[in-house]
Protein backbone atom coordinates (compact mmCIF):
# COMPACT_ATOMS: atom_id res chain seq x y z
CA GLU A 1 -62.73 -64.59 32.51
CA SER A 2 -61.25 -65.10 28.72
CA GLU A 3 -59.35 -68.22 28.18
CA GLU A 4 -56.90 -66.40 25.67
CA GLN A 5 -54.36 -64.25 27.01
CA PHE A 6 -54.12 -60.72 25.69
CA VAL A 7 -52.07 -57.56 25.98
CA VAL A 8 -52.90 -54.33 27.72
CA THR A 9 -50.64 -51.33 28.12
CA ILE A 10 -50.13 -49.47 31.17
CA SER A 11 -48.93 -45.71 30.48
CA VAL A 12 -48.37 -43.31 33.51
CA HIS A 13 -47.70 -39.38 32.97
CA ASP A 14 -46.94 -36.24 35.00
CA LYS A 15 -48.19 -32.95 35.15
CA GLN A 16 -45.36 -31.64 32.74
CA HIS A 17 -46.41 -34.42 30.02
CA THR A 18 -50.05 -32.74 30.33
CA GLN A 19 -48.60 -29.26 29.60
CA THR A 20 -46.31 -30.15 26.86
CA GLY A 21 -48.67 -31.79 24.22
CA HIS A 22 -48.95 -35.50 25.32
CA ALA A 23 -46.00 -36.93 23.24
CA PHE A 24 -45.76 -40.62 23.14
CA PRO A 25 -41.90 -40.68 24.15
CA ASP A 26 -42.66 -38.36 27.14
CA ARG A 27 -44.16 -40.82 29.30
CA PHE A 28 -44.04 -44.37 30.99
CA ASN A 29 -45.99 -46.76 28.23
CA ALA A 30 -45.35 -50.54 28.65
CA PRO A 31 -47.02 -53.75 27.28
CA PHE A 32 -48.17 -56.46 29.79
CA THR A 33 -49.40 -59.88 28.54
CA LEU A 34 -52.86 -61.21 30.64
CA ARG A 35 -53.36 -64.87 31.41
CA ARG A 36 -56.33 -66.32 32.45
CA GLY A 37 -56.53 -66.27 36.44
CA TRP A 38 -54.58 -64.12 38.71
CA ASN A 39 -52.08 -61.73 37.19
CA ASP A 40 -49.16 -59.82 39.33
CA ILE A 41 -47.80 -56.62 37.56
CA ASP A 42 -44.75 -55.04 38.98
CA ILE A 43 -43.35 -51.96 37.87
CA PRO A 44 -40.20 -50.46 39.52
CA LEU A 45 -41.02 -46.95 40.02
CA ASP A 46 -37.46 -46.27 39.06
CA ARG A 47 -38.70 -47.40 35.24
CA VAL A 48 -41.71 -45.09 35.33
CA LYS A 49 -39.55 -42.46 36.54
CA ASN A 50 -37.13 -42.60 34.09
CA ALA A 51 -39.43 -43.44 31.02
CA PRO A 52 -39.54 -40.34 29.29
CA ALA A 53 -36.88 -39.90 26.73
CA HIS A 54 -35.66 -36.49 27.72
CA ARG A 55 -36.44 -35.84 31.32
CA THR A 56 -37.48 -37.20 34.48
CA LEU A 57 -41.11 -38.04 35.11
CA ASP A 58 -41.81 -36.31 38.26
CA LEU A 59 -43.53 -38.89 40.69
CA ARG A 60 -44.63 -36.10 42.98
CA LEU A 61 -46.96 -34.88 39.91
CA VAL A 62 -48.55 -38.18 38.42
CA ARG A 63 -51.80 -36.92 36.35
CA GLU A 64 -52.68 -40.38 34.90
CA LEU A 65 -52.43 -43.97 35.06
CA SER A 66 -54.09 -45.84 32.46
CA ILE A 67 -54.64 -49.58 31.45
CA PHE A 68 -55.99 -50.18 28.24
CA ALA A 69 -56.00 -52.51 25.31
CA ALA A 70 -56.46 -52.06 21.76
CA ALA A 71 -57.92 -53.84 18.21
CA LEU A 72 -59.16 -56.97 20.62
CA PRO A 73 -61.17 -59.35 18.63
CA SER A 74 -64.14 -59.12 21.19
CA PRO A 75 -64.82 -57.61 24.48
CA ARG A 76 -62.54 -58.67 27.30
CA VAL A 77 -63.50 -58.58 30.90
CA ILE A 78 -60.59 -57.80 33.65
CA TYR A 79 -61.09 -57.48 37.50
CA ILE A 80 -58.40 -55.16 39.17
CA ASP A 81 -57.76 -55.58 42.67
CA ASP A 82 -54.84 -54.04 44.39
CA ILE A 83 -52.84 -50.99 43.14
CA TYR A 84 -50.45 -49.76 45.42
CA LEU A 85 -47.10 -47.52 45.26
CA ARG A 86 -44.05 -49.12 47.04
CA LYS A 87 -40.55 -48.17 47.30
């Protein structure tokens, strides 16, 4: 609904990340700019799997997908329509 674009971050972590202290470099974390209207975000699963600095993220044991924004000057409304995994 907003005329102004803004950045959201998408984060994905697995069970091992939860058990080892939630370190930032141990998960997938990437910013995406949203503009007014329909936005398609396509994240290759290999990118998620290979995101941790010192290991491979286990896609069979994903525990959380987060979409968040920080330090926005005012509240924003986003509508999420279709999230799916694709090889």
